[in-house]
């Protein structure tokens, strides 16, 4: 009586164990396509590209200024000349767009520095458009960096007044467009601001200037390092009256719908990682150009863990950005843009 099993293969046989005809083993073997880097790349569903990244820059006044942000290793407050150098280096890495935030010398209660034609964002926009060929310039439109109280709008009776704030945002958007911004990005979450900005841009002849709306911006704990970088922490209270409740997703869909109706060209979800489900729902519901902001706290956590030797930073970085792309983001705003672009080759 033979004691051979389906796994016994004579020496020199070309058959592989276990016997593929055996009912004890699967016909479908997904591992076949995981065996080598070339096979894995061939069937990869989600692909990262430097062209999908937007690189945020913090622009201050002065010259030759390059001040590292303590809570964000590798991120700097840059004077205009240094911002141009950083933008040029990013362009050489294959990145096609920067997002500018301004740090003015002086602030007031109404954020008038936001629309100063000689402000850091306006000056950097002109310089980058002049000196870095092919680079798109996106400008953040908000008042928090420019108000003495650090809030995103004008405070009336201890509340953020919506409509007068929108008037200031319109002024800022027009000044950015006049400086040459390709895209203005209102991040304030005031009601109706996309429509007001679109109307004002069109009436002023800036019909080609696009709007990337922070359409679903949540009141998140992950913005802390940014507020240090942009010197924009509120002096009192918080931003729950205008930024979204982290528990809500149907509200996010309504916000996105409103911004598209008002004329947004790109919609954004912020932050990215705690809201991957929102990114996926927005993309599936609207099929619209969708951006996600990999925010300062998300970046800082990876940097801190890497510095403590707890994670492999390059792998964690790419895995994180891939998850945002996989969720449905067409565009990723990330402080890792240059590092990721170099890692992708």
Protein backbone atom coordinates (compact mmCIF):
# COMPACT_ATOMS: atom_id res chain seq x y z
CA UNK A 1 0.00 0.00 0.00
CA UNK A 2 1.43 3.36 -1.05
CA UNK A 3 2.16 5.90 1.65
CA UNK A 4 2.69 8.77 -0.78
CA UNK A 5 0.79 11.99 -0.21
CA UNK A 6 -0.05 14.75 -2.69
CA UNK A 7 3.00 16.60 -1.31
CA UNK A 8 5.55 13.93 -2.24
CA UNK A 9 7.39 15.04 -5.38
CA UNK A 10 10.11 12.89 -6.95
CA UNK A 11 13.56 14.44 -7.04
CA UNK A 12 14.06 16.51 -10.18
CA UNK A 13 10.33 16.90 -10.78
CA UNK A 14 9.21 20.23 -12.21
CA UNK A 15 6.01 20.12 -10.15
CA UNK A 16 5.71 22.46 -7.20
CA UNK A 17 4.39 21.45 -3.84
CA UNK A 18 1.65 21.36 -2.80
CA UNK A 19 -0.10 19.66 -5.72
CA UNK A 20 -2.13 22.37 -7.49
CA UNK A 21 -4.75 19.78 -8.39
CA UNK A 22 -5.34 18.84 -4.80
CA UNK A 23 -8.74 19.88 -3.43
CA UNK A 24 -6.97 20.76 -0.18
CA UNK A 25 -5.33 23.84 -1.72
CA UNK A 26 -6.71 26.99 -3.35
CA UNK A 27 -6.79 27.59 -7.05
CA UNK A 28 -6.58 31.35 -6.45
CA UNK A 29 -3.34 32.49 -4.86
CA UNK A 30 -3.17 36.28 -4.41
CA UNK A 31 0.41 35.91 -3.17
CA UNK A 32 1.52 35.16 -6.73
CA UNK A 33 1.35 38.89 -7.46
CA UNK A 34 3.24 39.89 -4.30
CA UNK A 35 6.41 37.91 -4.90
CA UNK A 36 8.66 40.65 -6.28
CA UNK A 37 8.81 44.45 -6.29
CA UNK A 38 8.10 44.46 -10.02
CA UNK A 39 4.95 42.36 -9.60
CA UNK A 40 3.73 44.47 -6.71
CA UNK A 41 4.28 47.66 -8.72
CA UNK A 42 2.53 46.18 -11.75
CA UNK A 43 -0.77 45.62 -9.91
CA UNK A 44 -0.61 48.54 -7.48
CA UNK A 45 -4.02 50.21 -7.23
CA UNK A 46 -3.06 53.51 -5.62
CA UNK A 47 -0.08 55.50 -6.83
CA UNK A 48 1.54 58.53 -5.26
CA UNK A 49 3.10 61.22 -7.40
CA UNK A 50 4.92 64.42 -6.56
CA UNK A 51 2.60 66.19 -8.99
CA UNK A 52 -0.32 65.60 -6.61
CA UNK A 53 1.39 67.34 -3.66
CA UNK A 54 1.01 70.93 -2.51
CA UNK A 55 3.84 72.16 -0.29
CA UNK A 56 2.90 74.66 2.47
CA UNK A 57 5.27 77.56 3.18
CA UNK A 58 5.17 80.11 6.00
CA UNK A 59 6.34 83.50 4.77
CA UNK A 60 7.59 86.23 7.10
CA UNK A 61 9.03 89.70 6.55
CA UNK A 62 12.71 90.56 6.32
CA UNK A 63 15.52 89.01 4.33
CA UNK A 64 17.61 85.91 4.82
CA UNK A 65 15.21 84.60 7.45
CA UNK A 66 14.94 80.82 7.92
CA UNK A 67 13.60 80.01 11.39
CA UNK A 68 12.76 76.38 12.17
CA UNK A 69 9.40 75.74 13.84
CA UNK A 70 10.12 73.90 17.09
CA UNK A 71 7.15 71.56 16.92
CA UNK A 72 7.59 70.85 13.19
CA UNK A 73 11.13 69.66 12.42
CA UNK A 74 12.09 70.53 8.86
CA UNK A 75 9.49 73.32 8.58
CA UNK A 76 10.60 76.95 8.60
CA UNK A 77 9.34 80.49 8.73
CA UNK A 78 10.88 81.96 5.58
CA UNK A 79 11.45 85.47 4.33
CA UNK A 80 10.43 86.05 0.73
CA UNK A 81 13.90 85.40 -0.68
CA UNK A 82 14.14 82.13 1.24
CA UNK A 83 10.59 81.16 0.22
CA UNK A 84 11.63 81.57 -3.41
CA UNK A 85 14.64 79.30 -2.85
CA UNK A 86 12.46 76.71 -1.13
CA UNK A 87 9.87 76.86 -3.90
CA UNK A 88 12.59 76.43 -6.53
CA UNK A 89 13.99 73.42 -4.68
CA UNK A 90 10.50 71.92 -4.43
CA UNK A 91 9.99 72.45 -8.16
CA UNK A 92 13.26 70.63 -8.82
CA UNK A 93 11.89 67.74 -6.74
CA UNK A 94 8.88 67.57 -9.06
CA UNK A 95 6.36 69.44 -6.90
CA UNK A 96 4.06 71.70 -8.88
CA UNK A 97 2.37 73.89 -6.25
CA UNK A 98 3.03 75.74 -2.99
CA UNK A 99 0.51 77.02 -0.45
CA UNK A 100 1.49 80.33 1.17
CA UNK A 101 0.69 81.50 4.70
CA UNK A 102 1.71 84.97 5.87
CA UNK A 103 3.30 86.21 9.08
CA UNK A 104 2.94 90.01 9.17
CA UNK A 105 4.94 92.38 11.34
CA UNK A 106 1.84 94.00 12.83
CA UNK A 107 -1.71 92.88 13.53
CA UNK A 108 -5.01 94.59 14.29
CA UNK A 109 -8.53 93.66 15.28
CA UNK A 110 -9.84 93.44 11.70
CA UNK A 111 -6.90 91.67 10.04
CA UNK A 112 -6.21 94.45 7.57
CA UNK A 113 -2.74 93.05 6.89
CA UNK A 114 -4.39 90.18 5.02
CA UNK A 115 -4.97 92.46 2.04
CA UNK A 116 -1.82 94.58 2.23
CA UNK A 117 -0.43 94.55 -1.33
CA UNK A 118 3.08 94.55 0.16
CA UNK A 119 2.31 91.81 2.69
CA UNK A 120 4.45 88.66 2.85
CA UNK A 121 2.00 86.47 0.91
CA UNK A 122 1.54 89.03 -1.85
CA UNK A 123 5.29 89.70 -2.10
CA UNK A 124 6.13 85.99 -2.12
CA UNK A 125 3.47 85.30 -4.75
CA UNK A 126 4.96 87.87 -7.11
CA UNK A 127 8.50 86.64 -6.50
CA UNK A 128 7.73 82.94 -6.94
CA UNK A 129 5.68 83.51 -10.08
CA UNK A 130 8.52 85.61 -11.47
CA UNK A 131 11.43 83.36 -10.51
CA UNK A 132 10.18 79.75 -10.36
CA UNK A 133 8.96 78.68 -13.76
CA UNK A 134 5.89 76.49 -13.80
CA UNK A 135 5.17 76.70 -10.08
CA UNK A 136 1.52 77.15 -9.12
CA UNK A 137 0.91 79.49 -6.21
CA UNK A 138 -2.00 78.83 -3.87
CA UNK A 139 -2.69 81.40 -1.16
CA UNK A 140 -4.42 80.79 2.13
CA UNK A 141 -7.25 83.28 2.69
CA UNK A 142 -8.02 83.76 6.37
CA UNK A 143 -7.65 86.43 9.02
CA UNK A 144 -6.24 84.41 11.92
CA UNK A 145 -2.59 85.23 11.11
CA UNK A 146 -3.45 88.93 10.85
CA UNK A 147 -5.80 89.61 13.77
CA UNK A 148 -4.48 90.70 17.15
CA UNK A 149 -6.88 88.26 18.83
CA UNK A 150 -5.95 85.32 16.59
CA UNK A 151 -9.47 84.50 15.46
CA UNK A 152 -10.46 83.75 11.84
CA UNK A 153 -12.79 86.72 11.61
CA UNK A 154 -13.89 90.00 13.09
CA UNK A 155 -15.09 89.71 16.67
CA UNK A 156 -18.34 91.49 17.56
CA UNK A 157 -19.76 91.00 21.06
CA UNK A 158 -17.34 88.11 21.64
CA UNK A 159 -18.57 86.24 18.56
CA UNK A 160 -17.13 85.87 15.06
CA UNK A 161 -19.30 88.07 12.84
CA UNK A 162 -19.87 86.23 9.58
CA UNK A 163 -20.77 88.84 6.98
CA UNK A 164 -18.26 91.56 7.87
CA UNK A 165 -15.58 88.86 7.97
CA UNK A 166 -16.55 87.78 4.45
CA UNK A 167 -15.98 91.35 3.28
CA UNK A 168 -12.41 91.19 4.58
CA UNK A 169 -11.84 87.79 2.98
CA UNK A 170 -12.97 89.20 -0.35
CA UNK A 171 -10.41 92.02 -0.02
CA UNK A 172 -7.66 89.53 0.78
CA UNK A 173 -8.60 87.29 -2.15
CA UNK A 174 -8.54 90.21 -4.58
CA UNK A 175 -5.11 91.29 -3.35
CA UNK A 176 -3.77 87.75 -3.80
CA UNK A 177 -5.20 87.50 -7.29
CA UNK A 178 -3.71 90.88 -8.19
CA UNK A 179 -0.31 89.59 -7.01
CA UNK A 180 -0.62 86.64 -9.38
CA UNK A 181 -2.03 83.79 -7.28
CA UNK A 182 -3.27 80.90 -9.39
CA UNK A 183 -5.61 79.64 -6.68
CA UNK A 184 -7.04 81.31 -3.58
CA UNK A 185 -7.94 79.02 -0.70
CA UNK A 186 -10.41 80.40 1.88
CA UNK A 187 -9.87 78.49 5.13
CA UNK A 188 -12.07 80.49 7.50
CA UNK A 189 -15.32 78.45 7.26
CA UNK A 190 -17.55 81.53 7.12
CA UNK A 191 -20.90 80.96 5.44
CA UNK A 192 -21.18 82.28 1.89
CA UNK A 193 -17.57 83.28 1.45
CA UNK A 194 -16.94 81.15 -1.65
CA UNK A 195 -19.79 82.80 -3.54
CA UNK A 196 -18.73 86.28 -2.45
CA UNK A 197 -15.12 85.66 -3.46
CA UNK A 198 -16.10 84.16 -6.83
CA UNK A 199 -18.34 87.13 -7.63
CA UNK A 200 -15.67 89.65 -6.64
CA UNK A 201 -12.93 87.90 -8.59
CA UNK A 202 -15.06 87.73 -11.72
CA UNK A 203 -16.14 91.35 -11.48
CA UNK A 204 -12.51 92.43 -11.08
CA UNK A 205 -11.47 90.48 -14.17
CA UNK A 206 -9.80 87.57 -12.34
CA UNK A 207 -12.01 84.98 -13.97
CA UNK A 208 -9.11 82.53 -14.35
CA UNK A 209 -8.23 82.58 -10.63
CA UNK A 210 -9.45 79.31 -9.13
CA UNK A 211 -10.89 78.74 -5.65
CA UNK A 212 -9.84 75.80 -3.49
CA UNK A 213 -12.27 75.88 -0.63
CA UNK A 214 -11.57 74.45 2.80
CA UNK A 215 -15.07 73.03 2.47
CA UNK A 216 -15.07 70.61 5.40
CA UNK A 217 -12.64 71.98 7.97
CA UNK A 218 -13.06 70.35 11.35
CA UNK A 219 -12.39 71.89 14.75
CA UNK A 220 -9.44 69.62 15.37
CA UNK A 221 -6.86 69.03 18.07
CA UNK A 222 -4.28 68.43 15.33
CA UNK A 223 -3.69 72.10 14.44
CA UNK A 224 -1.48 72.97 17.41
CA UNK A 225 1.93 73.03 15.68
CA UNK A 226 0.51 75.09 12.81
CA UNK A 227 -0.61 77.78 15.25
CA UNK A 228 2.94 78.02 16.49
CA UNK A 229 4.27 78.21 12.92
CA UNK A 230 1.72 80.83 11.83
CA UNK A 231 1.47 82.65 15.18
CA UNK A 232 -2.30 82.28 14.96
CA UNK A 233 -3.49 80.80 18.24
CA UNK A 234 -6.71 82.47 19.45
CA UNK A 235 -6.20 84.76 22.44
CA UNK A 236 -9.49 83.59 23.96
CA UNK A 237 -12.17 81.00 23.30
CA UNK A 238 -11.98 78.53 20.43
CA UNK A 239 -13.20 78.04 16.87
CA UNK A 240 -16.11 75.68 17.44
CA UNK A 241 -18.66 78.24 16.24
CA UNK A 242 -17.38 78.06 12.66
CA UNK A 243 -15.18 74.98 12.26
CA UNK A 244 -17.03 71.67 12.05
CA UNK A 245 -17.86 69.24 14.85
CA UNK A 246 -15.59 66.17 14.46
CA UNK A 247 -18.61 63.91 14.96
CA UNK A 248 -20.39 65.03 11.77
CA UNK A 249 -20.13 63.67 8.24
CA UNK A 250 -23.53 64.45 6.70
CA UNK A 251 -22.87 68.09 7.55
CA UNK A 252 -19.59 67.85 5.65
CA UNK A 253 -21.46 66.72 2.55
CA UNK A 254 -23.81 69.69 2.88
CA UNK A 255 -20.88 72.09 3.28
CA UNK A 256 -19.15 70.68 0.20
CA UNK A 257 -22.37 70.87 -1.80
CA UNK A 258 -22.84 74.52 -0.87
CA UNK A 259 -19.27 75.45 -1.80
CA UNK A 260 -19.53 73.73 -5.17
CA UNK A 261 -22.80 75.54 -5.81
CA UNK A 262 -21.12 78.84 -4.90
CA UNK A 263 -18.30 78.30 -7.36
CA UNK A 264 -15.48 76.33 -5.71
CA UNK A 265 -13.17 74.65 -8.22
CA UNK A 266 -11.55 72.31 -5.70
CA UNK A 267 -12.93 71.20 -2.34
CA UNK A 268 -10.78 70.28 0.64
CA UNK A 269 -11.16 68.15 3.76
CA UNK A 270 -9.01 69.09 6.75
CA UNK A 271 -7.47 67.28 8.63
CA UNK A 272 -6.84 64.17 6.54
CA UNK A 273 -6.09 61.10 8.66
CA UNK A 274 -8.93 61.25 11.22
CA UNK A 275 -11.34 62.01 8.37
CA UNK A 276 -10.46 59.46 5.68
CA UNK A 277 -14.10 58.38 5.71
CA UNK A 278 -15.15 61.95 4.93
CA UNK A 279 -12.67 62.16 2.04
CA UNK A 280 -14.07 58.92 0.62
CA UNK A 281 -17.69 60.05 0.96
CA UNK A 282 -17.02 63.45 -0.60
CA UNK A 283 -15.22 61.94 -3.58
CA UNK A 284 -17.90 59.28 -4.10
CA UNK A 285 -20.78 61.74 -3.71
CA UNK A 286 -19.52 64.60 -5.88
CA UNK A 287 -16.73 63.27 -8.11
CA UNK A 288 -15.17 66.72 -7.78
CA UNK A 289 -11.46 67.62 -7.57
CA UNK A 290 -10.80 66.81 -3.91
CA UNK A 291 -7.90 67.90 -1.73
CA UNK A 292 -6.95 66.75 1.75
CA UNK A 293 -4.66 68.54 4.19
CA UNK A 294 -2.19 66.33 6.04
CA UNK A 295 -1.99 68.80 8.89
CA UNK A 296 0.73 69.91 11.27
CA UNK A 297 -0.21 67.62 14.15
CA UNK A 298 -0.24 64.57 11.91
CA UNK A 299 3.19 65.53 10.56
CA UNK A 300 4.58 66.31 14.01
CA UNK A 301 3.48 62.94 15.43
CA UNK A 302 5.37 61.05 12.73
CA UNK A 303 8.44 63.23 13.23
CA UNK A 304 8.38 62.74 17.01
CA UNK A 305 7.95 58.97 16.74
CA UNK A 306 10.77 58.78 14.20
CA UNK A 307 13.11 60.83 16.37
CA UNK A 308 12.47 58.40 19.23
CA UNK A 309 13.24 55.45 16.98
CA UNK A 310 9.72 54.07 17.25
CA UNK A 311 8.88 53.97 13.54
CA UNK A 312 10.60 53.76 10.17
CA UNK A 313 9.86 57.32 9.06
CA UNK A 314 10.18 56.95 5.26
CA UNK A 315 7.87 53.94 5.25
CA UNK A 316 5.40 55.54 7.66
CA UNK A 317 5.40 58.75 5.60
CA UNK A 318 4.59 57.00 2.33
CA UNK A 319 2.05 54.68 3.96
CA UNK A 320 0.29 57.67 5.47
CA UNK A 321 0.18 59.64 2.22
CA UNK A 322 -0.94 56.55 0.32
CA UNK A 323 -3.87 56.11 2.71
CA UNK A 324 -5.00 59.67 2.00
CA UNK A 325 -4.74 59.12 -1.73
CA UNK A 326 -6.49 55.75 -1.46
CA UNK A 327 -9.38 57.36 0.39
CA UNK A 328 -10.05 59.52 -2.66
CA UNK A 329 -7.90 62.65 -2.43
CA UNK A 330 -6.68 63.89 -5.80
CA UNK A 331 -4.45 66.48 -4.11
CA UNK A 332 -2.51 66.16 -0.84
CA UNK A 333 -1.29 69.22 1.03
CA UNK A 334 1.60 68.02 3.16
CA UNK A 335 4.73 69.29 4.91
CA UNK A 336 6.29 66.02 3.77
CA UNK A 337 5.95 67.02 0.11
CA UNK A 338 9.66 67.35 -0.64
CA UNK A 339 10.70 64.31 1.39
CA UNK A 340 7.98 62.21 -0.21
CA UNK A 341 8.82 63.44 -3.72
CA UNK A 342 12.46 62.47 -3.25
CA UNK A 343 11.49 59.07 -1.83
CA UNK A 344 9.27 58.41 -4.83
CA UNK A 345 12.14 59.26 -7.14
